[in-house]
Amino acid sequence: MDKLSNLALVVQMIDSAEKNIRSAKQLLREMLGGREIADNSAKLSEKAQMLSVTEGGKIIEGVFDGQNMIGPDSKQYPVPANYASKSKLVEGDVLKLTIAEDGSFIYKQIGPVERRKIIGLLSKDESGNYKIVADSKTYKVLLASLTYFKAENGDQVTIVVPADHDSAWAAVENVIKGGAVEEHEINGVKSSSPAEEHEMDEI
């Protein structure tokens, strides 16, 4: 075998090794991600247990887990996706749910956690689920947020995540298409907790 053939074989072996390493890293991230999600859920439930239920169960405080509110009874209460998206709720935010006489739910954000902003890439997996890869992590996002910003596969997205702990979910802040920021201006990497409280009428 001549030197040229040997060189081509070495290059092929290196490419194969690099692909195997990338696959192994991805598998490791997925394995660790599953454990992190379980740990996060346990921490959020523990935080929720310290909150209160008053007025015969009509007012319930709970913790947002990325999709729902976890109450002190460990039950999940559905949070409207449009409200969560508009309010840019992140994991760990404390909410107050008021159940009206007619059975409608009214949410109010009463304890936002500290936040930070990062930029990631939006991608779509084989099952049609969207995710955002940022800082070597994969985040889930609400489809309502992506629809609002008209985000597409391959877009850069500014997301909001908790500043003091890892999370499986992120809130969408901006979508960047062709280098232009849509809807809002990016104000930097970190942002403080929102002072403004949000309310939601009937579900």
N, C-alpha and C. Protein backbone atom coordinates (compact mmCIF):
# COMPACT_ATOMS: atom_id res chain seq x y z
N MET A 1 0.85 -1.20 0.00
CA MET A 1 0.00 0.00 0.00
C MET A 1 0.89 1.25 0.00
N ASP A 2 0.70 2.17 -0.92
CA ASP A 2 1.57 3.33 -1.02
C ASP A 2 1.22 4.38 0.05
N LYS A 3 2.08 5.38 0.11
CA LYS A 3 1.91 6.41 1.13
C LYS A 3 0.59 7.15 1.00
N LEU A 4 0.17 7.41 -0.25
CA LEU A 4 -1.09 8.14 -0.49
C LEU A 4 -2.27 7.34 0.03
N SER A 5 -2.25 6.04 -0.21
CA SER A 5 -3.33 5.18 0.26
C SER A 5 -3.34 5.13 1.79
N ASN A 6 -2.14 5.04 2.37
CA ASN A 6 -2.04 5.03 3.84
C ASN A 6 -2.57 6.32 4.44
N LEU A 7 -2.25 7.43 3.79
CA LEU A 7 -2.72 8.74 4.28
C LEU A 7 -4.24 8.82 4.23
N ALA A 8 -4.83 8.35 3.12
CA ALA A 8 -6.28 8.36 2.98
C ALA A 8 -6.93 7.48 4.05
N LEU A 9 -6.31 6.35 4.36
CA LEU A 9 -6.84 5.44 5.38
C LEU A 9 -6.78 6.08 6.76
N VAL A 10 -5.67 6.78 7.04
CA VAL A 10 -5.53 7.45 8.34
C VAL A 10 -6.60 8.53 8.49
N VAL A 11 -6.81 9.32 7.43
CA VAL A 11 -7.84 10.36 7.47
C VAL A 11 -9.22 9.76 7.71
N GLN A 12 -9.50 8.64 7.05
CA GLN A 12 -10.78 7.96 7.21
C GLN A 12 -10.95 7.46 8.65
N MET A 13 -9.88 6.92 9.22
CA MET A 13 -9.92 6.42 10.60
C MET A 13 -10.15 7.56 11.59
N ILE A 14 -9.51 8.70 11.34
CA ILE A 14 -9.68 9.87 12.21
C ILE A 14 -11.12 10.37 12.15
N ASP A 15 -11.67 10.46 10.93
CA ASP A 15 -13.06 10.90 10.77
C ASP A 15 -14.01 9.97 11.52
N SER A 16 -13.77 8.66 11.40
CA SER A 16 -14.61 7.68 12.07
C SER A 16 -14.50 7.82 13.59
N ALA A 17 -13.28 8.04 14.07
CA ALA A 17 -13.07 8.19 15.51
C ALA A 17 -13.78 9.44 16.03
N GLU A 18 -13.70 10.53 15.27
CA GLU A 18 -14.35 11.78 15.69
C GLU A 18 -15.85 11.62 15.75
N LYS A 19 -16.42 10.91 14.78
CA LYS A 19 -17.87 10.67 14.78
C LYS A 19 -18.28 9.84 15.99
N ASN A 20 -17.47 8.84 16.31
CA ASN A 20 -17.77 8.00 17.48
C ASN A 20 -17.71 8.80 18.77
N ILE A 21 -16.73 9.69 18.85
CA ILE A 21 -16.60 10.53 20.04
C ILE A 21 -17.80 11.46 20.18
N ARG A 22 -18.24 12.07 19.05
CA ARG A 22 -19.41 12.95 19.09
C ARG A 22 -20.66 12.18 19.52
N SER A 23 -20.81 10.97 18.99
CA SER A 23 -21.96 10.15 19.36
C SER A 23 -21.93 9.78 20.83
N ALA A 24 -20.73 9.45 21.33
CA ALA A 24 -20.58 9.09 22.74
C ALA A 24 -20.90 10.27 23.65
N LYS A 25 -20.44 11.48 23.25
CA LYS A 25 -20.71 12.68 24.03
C LYS A 25 -22.20 12.99 24.06
N GLN A 26 -22.86 12.84 22.90
CA GLN A 26 -24.29 13.09 22.83
C GLN A 26 -25.05 12.12 23.72
N LEU A 27 -24.66 10.84 23.69
CA LEU A 27 -25.31 9.83 24.54
C LEU A 27 -25.09 10.15 26.01
N LEU A 28 -23.89 10.59 26.36
CA LEU A 28 -23.59 10.94 27.75
C LEU A 28 -24.42 12.13 28.19
N ARG A 29 -24.56 13.13 27.31
CA ARG A 29 -25.37 14.31 27.65
C ARG A 29 -26.82 13.91 27.88
N GLU A 30 -27.32 13.00 27.04
CA GLU A 30 -28.71 12.56 27.19
C GLU A 30 -28.90 11.80 28.49
N MET A 31 -27.92 10.96 28.83
CA MET A 31 -28.01 10.20 30.08
C MET A 31 -27.97 11.12 31.29
N LEU A 32 -27.03 12.07 31.27
CA LEU A 32 -26.93 13.02 32.37
C LEU A 32 -28.13 13.94 32.41
N GLY A 33 -28.64 14.29 31.21
CA GLY A 33 -29.82 15.16 31.14
C GLY A 33 -31.02 14.53 31.80
N GLY A 34 -31.20 13.23 31.61
CA GLY A 34 -32.31 12.53 32.25
C GLY A 34 -32.22 12.58 33.75
N ARG A 35 -31.00 12.42 34.27
CA ARG A 35 -30.81 12.49 35.72
C ARG A 35 -31.04 13.90 36.24
N GLU A 36 -30.57 14.91 35.46
CA GLU A 36 -30.77 16.30 35.86
C GLU A 36 -32.25 16.64 35.93
N ILE A 37 -33.03 16.15 34.93
CA ILE A 37 -34.46 16.43 34.92
C ILE A 37 -35.13 15.86 36.15
N ALA A 38 -34.74 14.63 36.52
CA ALA A 38 -35.32 13.99 37.71
C ALA A 38 -34.96 14.79 38.96
N ASP A 39 -33.70 15.24 39.04
CA ASP A 39 -33.26 16.03 40.20
C ASP A 39 -34.01 17.36 40.25
N ASN A 40 -34.19 18.01 39.08
CA ASN A 40 -34.91 19.28 39.03
C ASN A 40 -36.35 19.12 39.50
N SER A 41 -37.01 18.05 39.03
CA SER A 41 -38.40 17.81 39.42
C SER A 41 -38.53 17.64 40.92
N ALA A 42 -37.59 16.92 41.51
CA ALA A 42 -37.61 16.70 42.95
C ALA A 42 -37.42 18.02 43.71
N LYS A 43 -36.51 18.86 43.20
CA LYS A 43 -36.25 20.15 43.86
C LYS A 43 -37.46 21.08 43.74
N LEU A 44 -38.10 21.08 42.57
CA LEU A 44 -39.28 21.93 42.37
C LEU A 44 -40.42 21.48 43.26
N SER A 45 -40.60 20.16 43.39
CA SER A 45 -41.66 19.62 44.25
C SER A 45 -41.39 19.98 45.72
N GLU A 46 -40.12 19.90 46.10
CA GLU A 46 -39.75 20.25 47.47
C GLU A 46 -40.02 21.72 47.75
N LYS A 47 -39.72 22.57 46.78
CA LYS A 47 -40.00 24.00 46.92
C LYS A 47 -41.49 24.26 47.01
N ALA A 48 -42.27 23.54 46.21
CA ALA A 48 -43.73 23.72 46.19
C ALA A 48 -44.36 23.32 47.52
N GLN A 49 -43.80 22.32 48.18
CA GLN A 49 -44.36 21.85 49.44
C GLN A 49 -44.30 22.89 50.55
N MET A 50 -43.45 23.90 50.37
CA MET A 50 -43.31 24.96 51.37
C MET A 50 -44.34 26.07 51.16
N LEU A 51 -45.13 25.98 50.08
CA LEU A 51 -46.10 27.02 49.76
C LEU A 51 -47.46 26.68 50.37
N SER A 52 -48.44 27.54 50.11
CA SER A 52 -49.71 27.41 50.83
C SER A 52 -50.92 27.22 49.93
N VAL A 53 -51.97 26.68 50.56
CA VAL A 53 -53.30 26.57 49.95
C VAL A 53 -54.27 27.22 50.93
N THR A 54 -55.04 28.19 50.45
CA THR A 54 -55.93 28.92 51.36
C THR A 54 -57.36 28.98 50.81
N GLU A 55 -58.24 29.49 51.65
CA GLU A 55 -59.65 29.69 51.30
C GLU A 55 -60.28 28.42 50.74
N GLY A 56 -60.07 27.34 51.48
CA GLY A 56 -60.70 26.08 51.10
C GLY A 56 -60.25 25.54 49.76
N GLY A 57 -58.99 25.80 49.40
CA GLY A 57 -58.46 25.29 48.14
C GLY A 57 -58.71 26.20 46.95
N LYS A 58 -59.27 27.40 47.21
CA LYS A 58 -59.57 28.32 46.11
C LYS A 58 -58.33 29.12 45.67
N ILE A 59 -57.35 29.27 46.57
CA ILE A 59 -56.12 29.98 46.23
C ILE A 59 -54.95 29.04 46.50
N ILE A 60 -54.20 28.73 45.47
CA ILE A 60 -53.11 27.76 45.57
C ILE A 60 -51.82 28.39 45.07
N GLU A 61 -50.78 28.31 45.88
CA GLU A 61 -49.46 28.75 45.44
C GLU A 61 -48.69 27.54 44.95
N GLY A 62 -47.88 27.74 43.92
CA GLY A 62 -47.14 26.62 43.37
C GLY A 62 -45.90 27.08 42.61
N VAL A 63 -45.18 26.11 42.07
CA VAL A 63 -43.93 26.38 41.36
C VAL A 63 -44.07 25.95 39.90
N PHE A 64 -43.65 26.81 39.00
CA PHE A 64 -43.71 26.51 37.56
C PHE A 64 -42.58 25.55 37.21
N ASP A 65 -42.93 24.47 36.47
CA ASP A 65 -41.93 23.46 36.10
C ASP A 65 -41.56 23.48 34.63
N GLY A 66 -41.98 24.51 33.92
CA GLY A 66 -41.69 24.61 32.49
C GLY A 66 -42.94 24.46 31.64
N GLN A 67 -43.94 23.74 32.18
CA GLN A 67 -45.21 23.55 31.49
C GLN A 67 -46.40 23.77 32.42
N ASN A 68 -46.29 23.25 33.65
CA ASN A 68 -47.39 23.29 34.60
C ASN A 68 -46.95 23.92 35.91
N MET A 69 -47.92 24.10 36.80
CA MET A 69 -47.62 24.56 38.15
C MET A 69 -47.73 23.37 39.10
N ILE A 70 -46.68 23.16 39.90
CA ILE A 70 -46.71 22.10 40.90
C ILE A 70 -47.19 22.71 42.21
N GLY A 71 -48.28 22.17 42.77
CA GLY A 71 -48.82 22.68 44.01
C GLY A 71 -48.22 22.02 45.23
N PRO A 72 -48.54 22.51 46.43
CA PRO A 72 -48.02 21.93 47.68
C PRO A 72 -48.43 20.47 47.85
N ASP A 73 -49.51 20.06 47.16
CA ASP A 73 -49.99 18.68 47.23
C ASP A 73 -49.33 17.81 46.17
N SER A 74 -48.33 18.36 45.47
CA SER A 74 -47.59 17.68 44.41
C SER A 74 -48.43 17.46 43.14
N LYS A 75 -49.64 18.01 43.11
CA LYS A 75 -50.46 17.92 41.91
C LYS A 75 -49.99 18.94 40.88
N GLN A 76 -50.22 18.62 39.60
CA GLN A 76 -49.88 19.53 38.52
C GLN A 76 -51.12 20.29 38.06
N TYR A 77 -50.99 21.60 37.99
CA TYR A 77 -52.09 22.45 37.53
C TYR A 77 -51.69 23.05 36.18
N PRO A 78 -52.53 22.89 35.15
CA PRO A 78 -52.16 23.35 33.81
C PRO A 78 -52.04 24.87 33.73
N VAL A 79 -50.93 25.31 33.16
CA VAL A 79 -50.71 26.74 32.94
C VAL A 79 -50.85 26.99 31.44
N PRO A 80 -51.73 27.90 31.02
CA PRO A 80 -51.91 28.17 29.59
C PRO A 80 -50.58 28.52 28.92
N ALA A 81 -50.30 27.87 27.80
CA ALA A 81 -49.03 28.08 27.11
C ALA A 81 -48.85 29.53 26.67
N ASN A 82 -49.95 30.18 26.27
CA ASN A 82 -49.83 31.58 25.82
C ASN A 82 -49.46 32.51 26.97
N TYR A 83 -49.97 32.19 28.17
CA TYR A 83 -49.62 33.00 29.36
C TYR A 83 -48.17 32.78 29.74
N ALA A 84 -47.74 31.51 29.78
CA ALA A 84 -46.36 31.19 30.13
C ALA A 84 -45.39 31.82 29.15
N SER A 85 -45.75 31.81 27.87
CA SER A 85 -44.88 32.37 26.84
C SER A 85 -44.80 33.89 26.94
N LYS A 86 -45.97 34.53 27.09
CA LYS A 86 -46.01 35.99 27.17
C LYS A 86 -45.29 36.50 28.41
N SER A 87 -45.43 35.76 29.52
CA SER A 87 -44.81 36.18 30.77
C SER A 87 -43.37 35.73 30.88
N LYS A 88 -42.92 34.90 29.91
CA LYS A 88 -41.55 34.36 29.92
C LYS A 88 -41.25 33.66 31.25
N LEU A 89 -42.17 32.80 31.65
CA LEU A 89 -41.98 32.05 32.89
C LEU A 89 -40.85 31.05 32.73
N VAL A 90 -40.07 30.87 33.79
CA VAL A 90 -39.00 29.88 33.78
C VAL A 90 -39.17 28.95 34.98
N GLU A 91 -38.49 27.83 34.91
CA GLU A 91 -38.58 26.85 35.99
C GLU A 91 -38.20 27.50 37.32
N GLY A 92 -39.04 27.25 38.32
CA GLY A 92 -38.75 27.78 39.65
C GLY A 92 -39.57 29.00 40.02
N ASP A 93 -40.19 29.67 39.03
CA ASP A 93 -41.04 30.82 39.33
C ASP A 93 -42.21 30.38 40.22
N VAL A 94 -42.50 31.19 41.21
CA VAL A 94 -43.64 30.91 42.09
C VAL A 94 -44.88 31.62 41.54
N LEU A 95 -45.97 30.87 41.41
CA LEU A 95 -47.23 31.39 40.90
C LEU A 95 -48.32 31.27 41.95
N LYS A 96 -49.33 32.10 41.82
CA LYS A 96 -50.54 31.99 42.65
C LYS A 96 -51.71 31.71 41.72
N LEU A 97 -52.40 30.63 41.99
CA LEU A 97 -53.57 30.26 41.21
C LEU A 97 -54.82 30.52 42.02
N THR A 98 -55.72 31.31 41.46
CA THR A 98 -57.02 31.55 42.08
C THR A 98 -58.08 30.85 41.24
N ILE A 99 -58.84 29.97 41.88
CA ILE A 99 -59.92 29.26 41.19
C ILE A 99 -61.21 30.02 41.44
N ALA A 100 -61.75 30.60 40.39
CA ALA A 100 -62.95 31.44 40.51
C ALA A 100 -64.19 30.58 40.76
N GLU A 101 -65.29 31.24 41.10
CA GLU A 101 -66.54 30.55 41.39
C GLU A 101 -67.03 29.72 40.20
N ASP A 102 -66.76 30.21 38.99
CA ASP A 102 -67.22 29.49 37.80
C ASP A 102 -66.22 28.42 37.35
N GLY A 103 -65.17 28.22 38.15
CA GLY A 103 -64.20 27.18 37.84
C GLY A 103 -63.03 27.63 36.98
N SER A 104 -63.03 28.89 36.55
CA SER A 104 -61.92 29.39 35.74
C SER A 104 -60.68 29.59 36.60
N PHE A 105 -59.52 29.48 35.95
CA PHE A 105 -58.24 29.64 36.63
C PHE A 105 -57.66 31.03 36.35
N ILE A 106 -57.17 31.69 37.39
CA ILE A 106 -56.50 32.98 37.24
C ILE A 106 -55.11 32.85 37.86
N TYR A 107 -54.08 33.00 37.02
CA TYR A 107 -52.70 32.87 37.48
C TYR A 107 -52.06 34.24 37.71
N LYS A 108 -51.17 34.29 38.67
CA LYS A 108 -50.41 35.51 38.92
C LYS A 108 -48.99 35.12 39.33
N GLN A 109 -48.00 35.75 38.71
CA GLN A 109 -46.61 35.47 39.06
C GLN A 109 -46.24 36.27 40.30
N ILE A 110 -45.87 35.60 41.38
CA ILE A 110 -45.61 36.29 42.64
C ILE A 110 -44.17 36.12 43.14
N GLY A 111 -43.42 35.20 42.54
CA GLY A 111 -42.05 34.99 43.01
C GLY A 111 -41.11 34.57 41.91
N PRO A 112 -40.78 35.49 41.00
CA PRO A 112 -39.86 35.14 39.90
C PRO A 112 -38.44 34.87 40.41
N VAL A 113 -37.77 33.90 39.82
CA VAL A 113 -36.39 33.61 40.17
C VAL A 113 -35.46 34.50 39.35
N GLU A 114 -34.19 34.56 39.75
CA GLU A 114 -33.20 35.30 38.97
C GLU A 114 -33.01 34.63 37.61
N ARG A 115 -32.77 35.43 36.60
CA ARG A 115 -32.68 34.92 35.23
C ARG A 115 -31.36 35.29 34.58
N ARG A 116 -31.05 34.56 33.51
CA ARG A 116 -29.95 34.92 32.62
C ARG A 116 -30.36 34.59 31.19
N LYS A 117 -29.77 35.28 30.24
CA LYS A 117 -30.10 35.09 28.84
C LYS A 117 -28.92 34.50 28.09
N ILE A 118 -29.21 33.53 27.23
CA ILE A 118 -28.18 32.94 26.39
C ILE A 118 -28.74 32.76 24.98
N ILE A 119 -27.86 32.65 24.02
CA ILE A 119 -28.27 32.47 22.63
C ILE A 119 -27.98 31.05 22.20
N GLY A 120 -28.97 30.40 21.60
CA GLY A 120 -28.80 29.03 21.13
C GLY A 120 -29.36 28.84 19.74
N LEU A 121 -29.29 27.62 19.26
CA LEU A 121 -29.75 27.28 17.92
C LEU A 121 -30.99 26.40 18.01
N LEU A 122 -32.03 26.77 17.26
CA LEU A 122 -33.27 26.00 17.26
C LEU A 122 -33.15 24.84 16.28
N SER A 123 -33.51 23.65 16.75
CA SER A 123 -33.46 22.47 15.88
C SER A 123 -34.70 21.62 16.10
N LYS A 124 -34.98 20.77 15.14
CA LYS A 124 -36.16 19.91 15.19
C LYS A 124 -35.71 18.46 15.06
N ASP A 125 -36.14 17.60 16.01
CA ASP A 125 -35.69 16.22 15.96
C ASP A 125 -36.56 15.38 15.03
N GLU A 126 -36.26 14.09 14.97
CA GLU A 126 -36.96 13.20 14.04
C GLU A 126 -38.44 13.04 14.39
N SER A 127 -38.77 13.29 15.67
CA SER A 127 -40.17 13.16 16.11
C SER A 127 -40.97 14.44 15.90
N GLY A 128 -40.29 15.48 15.38
CA GLY A 128 -40.96 16.75 15.15
C GLY A 128 -40.96 17.68 16.34
N ASN A 129 -40.22 17.31 17.40
CA ASN A 129 -40.13 18.16 18.59
C ASN A 129 -39.01 19.18 18.43
N TYR A 130 -39.29 20.40 18.88
CA TYR A 130 -38.28 21.45 18.81
C TYR A 130 -37.45 21.50 20.09
N LYS A 131 -36.19 21.85 19.93
CA LYS A 131 -35.31 22.04 21.08
C LYS A 131 -34.31 23.12 20.73
N ILE A 132 -33.71 23.68 21.76
CA ILE A 132 -32.71 24.71 21.56
C ILE A 132 -31.41 24.26 22.22
N VAL A 133 -30.34 24.26 21.45
CA VAL A 133 -29.03 23.88 21.95
C VAL A 133 -28.25 25.15 22.26
N ALA A 134 -27.87 25.31 23.53
CA ALA A 134 -27.13 26.50 23.95
C ALA A 134 -26.20 26.12 25.10
N ASP A 135 -24.99 26.63 25.06
CA ASP A 135 -24.00 26.33 26.11
C ASP A 135 -23.84 24.83 26.32
N SER A 136 -23.81 24.07 25.21
CA SER A 136 -23.63 22.62 25.25
C SER A 136 -24.75 21.90 25.99
N LYS A 137 -25.91 22.53 26.09
CA LYS A 137 -27.08 21.92 26.71
C LYS A 137 -28.26 21.99 25.76
N THR A 138 -29.21 21.08 25.96
CA THR A 138 -30.42 21.08 25.16
C THR A 138 -31.60 21.50 26.04
N TYR A 139 -32.36 22.49 25.57
CA TYR A 139 -33.51 22.99 26.32
C TYR A 139 -34.80 22.74 25.55
N LYS A 140 -35.85 22.43 26.28
CA LYS A 140 -37.18 22.36 25.70
C LYS A 140 -37.80 23.75 25.75
N VAL A 141 -38.65 24.06 24.79
CA VAL A 141 -39.36 25.34 24.76
C VAL A 141 -40.81 25.11 24.38
N LEU A 142 -41.68 25.99 24.82
CA LEU A 142 -43.09 25.88 24.49
C LEU A 142 -43.31 26.20 23.01
N LEU A 143 -44.10 25.39 22.36
CA LEU A 143 -44.37 25.60 20.94
C LEU A 143 -45.07 26.94 20.71
N ALA A 144 -45.88 27.36 21.68
CA ALA A 144 -46.59 28.64 21.56
C ALA A 144 -45.61 29.80 21.40
N SER A 145 -44.47 29.72 22.09
CA SER A 145 -43.46 30.78 21.99
C SER A 145 -42.84 30.82 20.59
N LEU A 146 -42.53 29.64 20.07
CA LEU A 146 -41.92 29.57 18.74
C LEU A 146 -42.89 30.04 17.67
N THR A 147 -44.16 29.70 17.85
CA THR A 147 -45.19 30.12 16.90
C THR A 147 -45.36 31.64 16.92
N TYR A 148 -45.34 32.21 18.10
CA TYR A 148 -45.49 33.67 18.25
C TYR A 148 -44.38 34.42 17.51
N PHE A 149 -43.16 33.92 17.64
CA PHE A 149 -42.02 34.58 17.01
C PHE A 149 -41.77 34.11 15.57
N LYS A 150 -42.65 33.17 15.10
CA LYS A 150 -42.49 32.61 13.75
C LYS A 150 -41.10 32.00 13.56
N ALA A 151 -40.62 31.32 14.61
CA ALA A 151 -39.29 30.71 14.57
C ALA A 151 -39.29 29.49 13.67
N GLU A 152 -38.16 29.26 13.02
CA GLU A 152 -38.00 28.13 12.12
C GLU A 152 -36.73 27.37 12.46
N ASN A 153 -36.70 26.13 12.02
CA ASN A 153 -35.54 25.28 12.26
C ASN A 153 -34.27 25.96 11.74
N GLY A 154 -33.26 26.05 12.60
CA GLY A 154 -32.00 26.68 12.21
C GLY A 154 -31.87 28.12 12.66
N ASP A 155 -32.95 28.72 13.17
CA ASP A 155 -32.88 30.11 13.66
C ASP A 155 -32.07 30.17 14.95
N GLN A 156 -31.43 31.31 15.17
CA GLN A 156 -30.81 31.58 16.47
C GLN A 156 -31.89 32.14 17.38
N VAL A 157 -31.88 31.69 18.62
CA VAL A 157 -32.92 32.09 19.57
C VAL A 157 -32.29 32.52 20.89
N THR A 158 -32.72 33.68 21.38
CA THR A 158 -32.31 34.11 22.71
C THR A 158 -33.30 33.53 23.71
N ILE A 159 -32.80 32.78 24.67
CA ILE A 159 -33.67 32.15 25.65
C ILE A 159 -33.36 32.66 27.06
N VAL A 160 -34.35 32.51 27.93
CA VAL A 160 -34.22 32.92 29.33
C VAL A 160 -34.26 31.66 30.18
N VAL A 161 -33.26 31.51 31.05
CA VAL A 161 -33.19 30.34 31.93
C VAL A 161 -32.89 30.82 33.35
N PRO A 162 -33.13 29.97 34.35
CA PRO A 162 -32.79 30.35 35.73
C PRO A 162 -31.30 30.61 35.88
N ALA A 163 -30.95 31.60 36.67
CA ALA A 163 -29.54 31.95 36.84
C ALA A 163 -28.85 31.08 37.89
N ASP A 164 -29.63 30.50 38.81
CA ASP A 164 -29.01 29.81 39.94
C ASP A 164 -29.12 28.29 39.90
N HIS A 165 -29.76 27.74 38.87
CA HIS A 165 -29.84 26.28 38.78
C HIS A 165 -30.10 25.85 37.33
N ASP A 166 -29.77 24.59 37.05
CA ASP A 166 -30.01 24.05 35.71
C ASP A 166 -31.50 23.84 35.50
N SER A 167 -31.91 23.84 34.25
CA SER A 167 -33.32 23.63 33.94
C SER A 167 -33.45 22.85 32.64
N ALA A 168 -34.56 22.14 32.51
CA ALA A 168 -34.83 21.40 31.28
C ALA A 168 -35.55 22.28 30.27
N TRP A 169 -36.28 23.28 30.77
CA TRP A 169 -37.07 24.17 29.92
C TRP A 169 -36.49 25.58 29.91
N ALA A 170 -36.77 26.30 28.84
CA ALA A 170 -36.35 27.70 28.71
C ALA A 170 -37.50 28.51 28.13
N ALA A 171 -37.49 29.80 28.41
CA ALA A 171 -38.47 30.72 27.83
C ALA A 171 -37.81 31.44 26.65
N VAL A 172 -38.59 31.69 25.62
CA VAL A 172 -38.06 32.37 24.43
C VAL A 172 -38.15 33.88 24.61
N GLU A 173 -37.03 34.55 24.43
CA GLU A 173 -36.96 36.01 24.55
C GLU A 173 -36.99 36.68 23.18
N ASN A 174 -36.17 36.19 22.26
CA ASN A 174 -36.08 36.76 20.91
C ASN A 174 -35.77 35.67 19.91
N VAL A 175 -36.06 35.96 18.65
CA VAL A 175 -35.64 35.09 17.55
C VAL A 175 -34.80 35.93 16.60
N ILE A 176 -33.64 35.39 16.22
CA ILE A 176 -32.72 36.12 15.36
C ILE A 176 -32.73 35.47 13.98
N LYS A 177 -33.14 36.23 12.99
CA LYS A 177 -33.17 35.74 11.61
C LYS A 177 -32.22 36.59 10.77
N GLY A 178 -31.25 35.95 10.18
CA GLY A 178 -30.31 36.67 9.33
C GLY A 178 -29.55 37.76 10.05
N GLY A 179 -29.33 37.55 11.37
CA GLY A 179 -28.56 38.51 12.15
C GLY A 179 -29.38 39.65 12.71
N ALA A 180 -30.69 39.71 12.37
CA ALA A 180 -31.54 40.79 12.87
C ALA A 180 -32.40 40.26 14.00
N VAL A 181 -32.49 41.03 15.08
CA VAL A 181 -33.29 40.62 16.22
C VAL A 181 -34.72 41.08 16.03
N GLU A 182 -35.65 40.13 16.17
CA GLU A 182 -37.07 40.45 15.99
C GLU A 182 -37.74 40.78 17.31
N GLU A 183 -38.73 41.63 17.26
CA GLU A 183 -39.64 41.94 18.35
C GLU A 183 -39.00 42.74 19.48
N HIS A 184 -37.87 42.25 20.04
CA HIS A 184 -37.28 42.91 21.19
C HIS A 184 -35.78 43.05 20.99
N GLU A 185 -35.18 43.91 21.76
CA GLU A 185 -33.74 44.10 21.70
C GLU A 185 -33.07 43.20 22.72
N ILE A 186 -31.94 42.56 22.38
CA ILE A 186 -31.18 41.79 23.36
C ILE A 186 -30.43 42.77 24.24
N ASN A 187 -30.60 42.64 25.55
CA ASN A 187 -30.01 43.61 26.47
C ASN A 187 -28.74 43.11 27.13
N GLY A 188 -28.27 41.93 26.76
CA GLY A 188 -27.06 41.43 27.38
C GLY A 188 -27.22 40.00 27.82
N VAL A 189 -26.22 39.50 28.50
CA VAL A 189 -26.23 38.10 28.89
C VAL A 189 -27.11 37.84 30.09
N LYS A 190 -27.09 38.76 31.07
CA LYS A 190 -27.85 38.54 32.29
C LYS A 190 -28.95 39.57 32.44
N SER A 191 -30.00 39.16 33.12
CA SER A 191 -31.07 40.10 33.42
C SER A 191 -31.60 39.80 34.80
N SER A 192 -32.10 40.79 35.49
CA SER A 192 -32.60 40.59 36.83
C SER A 192 -34.02 40.07 36.79
N SER A 193 -34.54 39.70 37.94
CA SER A 193 -35.90 39.19 38.02
C SER A 193 -36.88 40.27 37.59
N PRO A 194 -37.92 39.91 36.86
CA PRO A 194 -38.90 40.90 36.43
C PRO A 194 -39.68 41.43 37.61
N ALA A 195 -39.83 42.72 37.67
CA ALA A 195 -40.56 43.32 38.78
C ALA A 195 -42.06 43.29 38.52
N GLU A 196 -42.36 43.21 37.24
CA GLU A 196 -43.79 43.28 36.87
C GLU A 196 -44.46 41.93 37.08
N GLU A 197 -45.63 41.94 37.67
CA GLU A 197 -46.40 40.72 37.86
C GLU A 197 -47.40 40.62 36.74
N HIS A 198 -47.71 39.36 36.33
CA HIS A 198 -48.58 39.12 35.22
C HIS A 198 -49.83 38.39 35.69
N GLU A 199 -50.93 38.67 35.05
CA GLU A 199 -52.16 37.99 35.38
C GLU A 199 -52.78 37.38 34.14
N MET A 200 -53.53 36.30 34.37
CA MET A 200 -54.21 35.61 33.27
C MET A 200 -55.67 35.47 33.63
N ASP A 201 -56.55 35.81 32.71
CA ASP A 201 -57.98 35.64 32.98
C ASP A 201 -58.36 34.18 32.79
N GLU A 202 -59.49 33.92 32.23
CA GLU A 202 -60.00 32.57 32.15
C GLU A 202 -59.17 31.71 31.18
N ILE A 203 -59.04 30.42 31.54
CA ILE A 203 -58.42 29.45 30.65
C ILE A 203 -59.42 29.07 29.58
